[in-house]
Amino acid sequence: MRDHLISFNFDKACNDIVRTHSCGHFKGCGEIVLNYFKQDAIYTLHYFTTGKFKFKNNKNAWKEFENDHILFFYPEGVYNLSEMNGQFNEHYYVSFSGKLPDLLLRNQVQLNRCLFKINKNKLYRQKFIELLETVRLASLSSYHQANAILYALLNETVLLLQTNDASTNGVKVIDNFIAYLNQNIQNNHLDMADYLKKVGLSQSSFTKKFKSSVGLTPHQYWLSNKINHAKSLLLSTEKNVNEIANLIGMDDEFYFSRLFKKKVGVSPKGYRERIFN
């Protein structure tokens, strides 16, 4: 089954901020051969759930991989992707562009990192399904909703890659800590003492390990994670600022708004208006 969808191209200013170009889903037995050449400003994100594949870019030799991998094609790149042995396979993809993706993926582009192994993640797969279902509606409203879902998907991808980096560095406790934060996004304070007691690490030792792997202190990451969740809620729901503050564990709407503006450069309300107006 091949499901390939092209989103409507509305002439709106928000296209420059975040724009879904196309998305699709393949599931079945059939050869995948893809040669991707330079395209200005366009990214493609692939998520492989089943099958065996091989991939190369213009700088590296062929690399084989299977199941639960993320693959990025960046602007100005040359890539080759093919299925191996004609086996049953499944993968999702979305092509996109915009200022927000440029900011989110800047570090990955600079490092030219393309292929990432992740743990099996049903919620991540569901994001692709939501995107496909929304684009299929083919209306102006669904077009904006699709861009909001895309942005939430990219934020989730960045979090997965950060978790991947922590695991790759052999710091499993950091992987678990990031999962703990995501599962407890509504907590209004960072209870590191209770968490670290369970894993037998001091706060100073853990903070040093965490910053070395992730690039932020645990508290900085905790706040950044909340702000990213708030961004996704602002774009994908109609909840007001107070409701969103409560959902991410900030009881004081005014503190949340000040923190959001400090981190993002615009108020929560202004952020939503800038995207959709």
Protein backbone atom coordinates (compact mmCIF):
# COMPACT_ATOMS: atom_id res chain seq x y z
CA MET A 1 0.00 0.00 0.00
CA ARG A 2 1.44 3.33 -1.04
CA ASP A 3 -0.19 6.43 0.39
CA HIS A 4 1.37 9.63 -0.99
CA LEU A 5 -0.21 12.96 -0.13
CA ILE A 6 0.58 16.49 -1.29
CA SER A 7 -0.58 19.34 0.92
CA PHE A 8 -2.29 22.38 -0.56
CA ASN A 9 0.04 25.28 -1.27
CA PHE A 10 -1.70 28.34 0.15
CA ASP A 11 0.01 31.66 -0.41
CA LYS A 12 0.34 32.64 3.24
CA ALA A 13 3.15 34.24 5.20
CA CYS A 14 3.20 31.25 7.57
CA ASN A 15 4.68 29.19 4.72
CA ASP A 16 8.00 30.84 5.59
CA ILE A 17 7.71 29.76 9.22
CA VAL A 18 6.80 26.08 8.86
CA ARG A 19 5.39 24.37 5.77
CA THR A 20 4.47 20.77 4.98
CA HIS A 21 5.29 20.02 1.33
CA SER A 22 4.31 16.36 1.13
CA CYS A 23 3.91 13.30 3.33
CA GLY A 24 3.28 9.62 2.80
CA HIS A 25 3.23 6.04 4.03
CA PHE A 26 4.40 2.81 2.40
CA LYS A 27 3.56 -0.67 3.67
CA GLY A 28 4.06 -3.90 1.78
CA CYS A 29 6.47 -5.95 -0.29
CA GLY A 30 8.03 -3.91 -3.01
CA GLU A 31 11.35 -2.37 -3.83
CA ILE A 32 12.08 1.11 -2.53
CA VAL A 33 14.68 2.93 -4.55
CA LEU A 34 15.12 6.63 -3.94
CA ASN A 35 17.72 8.99 -5.32
CA TYR A 36 17.44 12.40 -3.73
CA PHE A 37 19.33 15.37 -5.09
CA LYS A 38 19.83 18.93 -3.92
CA GLN A 39 16.66 20.88 -3.13
CA ASP A 40 16.89 24.37 -1.74
CA ALA A 41 15.56 24.71 1.82
CA ILE A 42 13.59 21.40 1.81
CA TYR A 43 14.08 18.68 4.43
CA THR A 44 12.70 15.14 4.39
CA LEU A 45 12.19 13.08 7.55
CA HIS A 46 11.74 9.29 7.19
CA TYR A 47 10.65 6.92 9.95
CA PHE A 48 11.29 3.21 9.24
CA THR A 49 9.29 0.79 11.38
CA THR A 50 9.78 -2.52 9.53
CA GLY A 51 12.19 -3.93 6.94
CA LYS A 52 15.84 -3.81 5.89
CA PHE A 53 17.36 -0.91 3.98
CA LYS A 54 20.63 0.63 2.89
CA PHE A 55 21.52 4.30 2.69
CA LYS A 56 24.37 6.55 1.62
CA ASN A 57 25.01 10.23 1.13
CA ASN A 58 27.59 12.04 -0.95
CA LYS A 59 30.16 11.87 1.89
CA ASN A 60 29.79 8.33 3.27
CA ALA A 61 29.68 4.73 2.01
CA TRP A 62 26.54 2.58 2.00
CA LYS A 63 25.21 1.72 5.47
CA GLU A 64 22.68 -1.03 6.19
CA PHE A 65 19.94 -0.64 8.82
CA GLU A 66 16.59 -2.13 9.81
CA ASN A 67 13.53 -1.34 11.96
CA ASP A 68 13.01 1.75 14.12
CA HIS A 69 15.36 4.24 12.48
CA ILE A 70 14.99 7.92 11.69
CA LEU A 71 16.59 9.19 8.50
CA PHE A 72 17.01 12.88 7.56
CA PHE A 73 17.59 14.27 4.10
CA TYR A 74 18.85 17.84 4.51
CA PRO A 75 18.72 20.73 2.01
CA GLU A 76 21.59 20.82 -0.46
CA GLY A 77 22.34 17.11 0.07
CA VAL A 78 22.67 14.12 -2.27
CA TYR A 79 21.29 10.84 -0.89
CA ASN A 80 20.51 7.29 -2.00
CA LEU A 81 18.11 4.91 -0.24
CA SER A 82 17.01 1.42 -1.19
CA GLU A 83 15.23 -1.58 0.31
CA MET A 84 17.18 -4.83 0.71
CA ASN A 85 16.05 -8.28 -0.43
CA GLY A 86 12.51 -7.24 -1.37
CA GLN A 87 11.24 -7.90 2.16
CA PHE A 88 8.03 -6.61 3.74
CA ASN A 89 8.64 -3.06 4.90
CA GLU A 90 6.89 -0.03 6.30
CA HIS A 91 7.98 3.56 6.50
CA TYR A 92 6.57 7.08 6.83
CA TYR A 93 7.97 10.31 5.50
CA VAL A 94 7.30 14.05 5.41
CA SER A 95 9.01 16.81 3.40
CA PHE A 96 9.00 20.30 4.85
CA SER A 97 10.70 23.69 5.05
CA GLY A 98 10.62 26.87 7.14
CA LYS A 99 12.40 29.03 9.67
CA LEU A 100 11.33 26.89 12.65
CA PRO A 101 12.74 23.65 11.17
CA ASP A 102 15.96 25.53 10.38
CA LEU A 103 16.29 26.48 14.05
CA LEU A 104 15.31 23.07 15.42
CA LEU A 105 17.61 21.09 13.13
CA ARG A 106 20.54 23.49 12.86
CA ASN A 107 22.90 21.36 14.97
CA GLN A 108 22.10 18.16 13.06
CA VAL A 109 22.68 19.89 9.71
CA GLN A 110 26.02 21.31 10.85
CA LEU A 111 27.16 17.86 11.98
CA ASN A 112 25.74 16.23 8.83
CA ARG A 113 24.09 13.53 10.96
CA CYS A 114 21.44 11.64 9.00
CA LEU A 115 20.67 8.16 10.38
CA PHE A 116 19.56 7.48 13.97
CA LYS A 117 18.46 4.32 15.77
CA ILE A 118 15.55 4.87 18.20
CA ASN A 119 13.56 2.64 20.52
CA LYS A 120 10.20 1.36 19.25
CA ASN A 121 7.79 4.25 19.81
CA LYS A 122 4.05 3.93 19.14
CA LEU A 123 3.38 7.55 20.09
CA TYR A 124 5.96 8.80 17.58
CA ARG A 125 4.38 6.67 14.85
CA GLN A 126 0.98 8.10 15.80
CA LYS A 127 2.25 11.62 15.01
CA PHE A 128 2.86 10.58 11.40
CA ILE A 129 -0.61 9.03 11.20
CA GLU A 130 -2.20 12.24 12.54
CA LEU A 131 -0.30 14.25 9.97
CA LEU A 132 -1.47 12.01 7.10
CA GLU A 133 -5.08 12.09 8.27
CA THR A 134 -5.04 15.86 8.62
CA VAL A 135 -3.51 16.54 5.20
CA ARG A 136 -6.07 14.19 3.63
CA LEU A 137 -8.87 16.63 4.62
CA ALA A 138 -7.43 19.12 2.08
CA SER A 139 -8.83 22.37 3.51
CA LEU A 140 -7.28 25.65 4.60
CA SER A 141 -7.94 24.78 8.25
CA SER A 142 -6.42 21.31 7.92
CA TYR A 143 -3.40 22.79 6.15
CA HIS A 144 -2.63 24.96 9.19
CA GLN A 145 -3.33 22.04 11.53
CA ALA A 146 -0.94 19.85 9.52
CA ASN A 147 1.84 22.43 9.91
CA ALA A 148 1.17 22.50 13.67
CA ILE A 149 1.36 18.70 13.85
CA LEU A 150 4.57 18.80 11.79
CA TYR A 151 6.13 21.23 14.25
CA ALA A 152 5.12 19.02 17.19
CA LEU A 153 6.58 16.02 15.33
CA LEU A 154 9.89 17.84 14.81
CA ASN A 155 10.08 18.80 18.49
CA GLU A 156 9.47 15.15 19.40
CA THR A 157 12.17 14.11 16.91
CA VAL A 158 14.71 16.44 18.50
CA LEU A 159 13.90 14.99 21.93
CA LEU A 160 14.36 11.46 20.55
CA LEU A 161 17.72 12.41 19.08
CA GLN A 162 18.85 13.90 22.38
CA THR A 163 17.84 10.67 24.10
CA ASN A 164 19.70 8.74 21.40
CA ASP A 165 22.85 10.77 22.06
CA ALA A 166 22.63 10.10 25.79
CA SER A 167 22.23 6.36 25.22
CA THR A 168 25.03 6.27 22.67
CA ASN A 169 27.35 7.81 25.24
CA GLY A 170 26.54 4.93 27.58
CA VAL A 171 24.60 7.04 30.08
CA LYS A 172 21.41 5.01 30.38
CA VAL A 173 20.38 6.91 33.47
CA ILE A 174 20.13 10.09 31.37
CA ASP A 175 17.89 8.30 28.89
CA ASN A 176 15.61 7.29 31.75
CA PHE A 177 15.66 10.77 33.25
CA ILE A 178 14.53 12.37 29.96
CA ALA A 179 11.72 9.80 29.73
CA TYR A 180 10.81 10.62 33.35
CA LEU A 181 10.54 14.34 32.53
CA ASN A 182 8.34 13.67 29.49
CA GLN A 183 6.05 11.42 31.50
CA ASN A 184 5.76 14.03 34.28
CA ILE A 185 5.48 17.23 32.25
CA GLN A 186 2.76 18.51 34.63
CA ASN A 187 5.08 18.50 37.67
CA ASN A 188 5.55 22.06 38.92
CA HIS A 189 9.04 21.46 40.32
CA LEU A 190 12.06 19.38 39.37
CA ASP A 191 12.45 16.69 42.03
CA MET A 192 15.97 15.53 41.21
CA ALA A 193 16.81 14.40 44.75
CA ASP A 194 14.09 11.74 44.81
CA TYR A 195 14.97 10.54 41.29
CA LEU A 196 18.73 10.39 41.89
CA LYS A 197 18.28 8.54 45.16
CA LYS A 198 16.75 5.68 43.19
CA VAL A 199 19.70 5.46 40.80
CA GLY A 200 22.45 6.04 43.39
CA LEU A 201 24.02 9.21 41.95
CA SER A 202 24.84 12.54 43.55
CA GLN A 203 23.30 15.67 42.05
CA SER A 204 26.70 17.15 41.13
CA SER A 205 27.86 13.95 39.41
CA PHE A 206 24.59 13.55 37.51
CA THR A 207 24.52 17.22 36.46
CA LYS A 208 28.03 16.92 35.05
CA LYS A 209 27.15 13.76 33.10
CA PHE A 210 23.89 15.23 31.85
CA LYS A 211 25.41 18.50 30.63
CA SER A 212 28.25 16.64 28.93
CA SER A 213 25.78 14.46 27.00
CA VAL A 214 22.90 16.85 26.31
CA GLY A 215 24.55 20.28 26.41
CA LEU A 216 22.20 21.67 29.09
CA THR A 217 21.93 21.31 32.84
CA PRO A 218 18.98 19.19 34.02
CA HIS A 219 17.12 22.33 35.12
CA GLN A 220 17.74 24.08 31.79
CA TYR A 221 16.53 21.00 29.92
CA TRP A 222 13.47 20.73 32.21
CA LEU A 223 12.44 24.31 31.39
CA SER A 224 13.25 23.93 27.69
CA ASN A 225 11.18 20.76 27.55
CA LYS A 226 8.18 22.55 29.08
CA ILE A 227 8.48 25.44 26.62
CA ASN A 228 8.63 23.01 23.68
CA HIS A 229 5.49 21.26 24.92
CA ALA A 230 3.82 24.66 25.30
CA LYS A 231 4.72 25.55 21.70
CA SER A 232 3.14 22.34 20.46
CA LEU A 233 -0.04 22.96 22.47
CA LEU A 234 -0.28 26.55 21.20
CA LEU A 235 -0.12 25.30 17.61
CA SER A 236 -2.18 22.11 17.84
CA THR A 237 -4.97 23.13 20.28
CA GLU A 238 -7.24 26.11 20.96
CA LYS A 239 -6.52 26.10 24.71
CA ASN A 240 -5.89 29.50 26.28
CA VAL A 241 -2.59 30.54 27.84
CA ASN A 242 -3.70 29.73 31.40
CA GLU A 243 -4.84 26.23 30.43
CA ILE A 244 -1.55 25.54 28.66
CA ALA A 245 0.43 26.83 31.64
CA ASN A 246 -1.43 24.40 33.89
CA LEU A 247 -0.88 21.49 31.50
CA ILE A 248 2.91 21.94 31.66
CA GLY A 249 2.96 22.37 35.45
CA MET A 250 3.13 26.16 35.74
CA ASP A 251 0.36 27.46 38.01
CA ASP A 252 1.30 31.12 37.51
CA GLU A 253 0.16 32.23 34.04
CA PHE A 254 2.18 35.46 34.26
CA TYR A 255 5.40 33.65 35.20
CA PHE A 256 4.83 31.24 32.32
CA SER A 257 4.27 34.10 29.87
CA ARG A 258 7.43 35.90 31.04
CA LEU A 259 9.50 32.72 30.80
CA PHE A 260 8.07 31.90 27.36
CA LYS A 261 8.90 35.36 26.04
CA LYS A 262 12.41 35.17 27.48
CA LYS A 263 13.06 31.80 25.79
CA VAL A 264 11.20 32.33 22.52
CA GLY A 265 11.34 36.09 22.04
CA VAL A 266 7.57 36.59 21.87
CA SER A 267 4.63 36.02 24.25
CA PRO A 268 2.57 32.78 23.99
CA LYS A 269 -0.34 34.71 22.48
CA GLY A 270 1.98 36.52 20.08
CA TYR A 271 3.60 33.21 19.09
CA ARG A 272 0.23 31.71 18.16
CA GLU A 273 -0.83 34.83 16.25
CA ARG A 274 2.47 34.97 14.37
CA ILE A 275 1.96 31.43 13.10
CA PHE A 276 -1.71 31.56 12.14
CA ASN A 277 -2.34 35.18 11.16
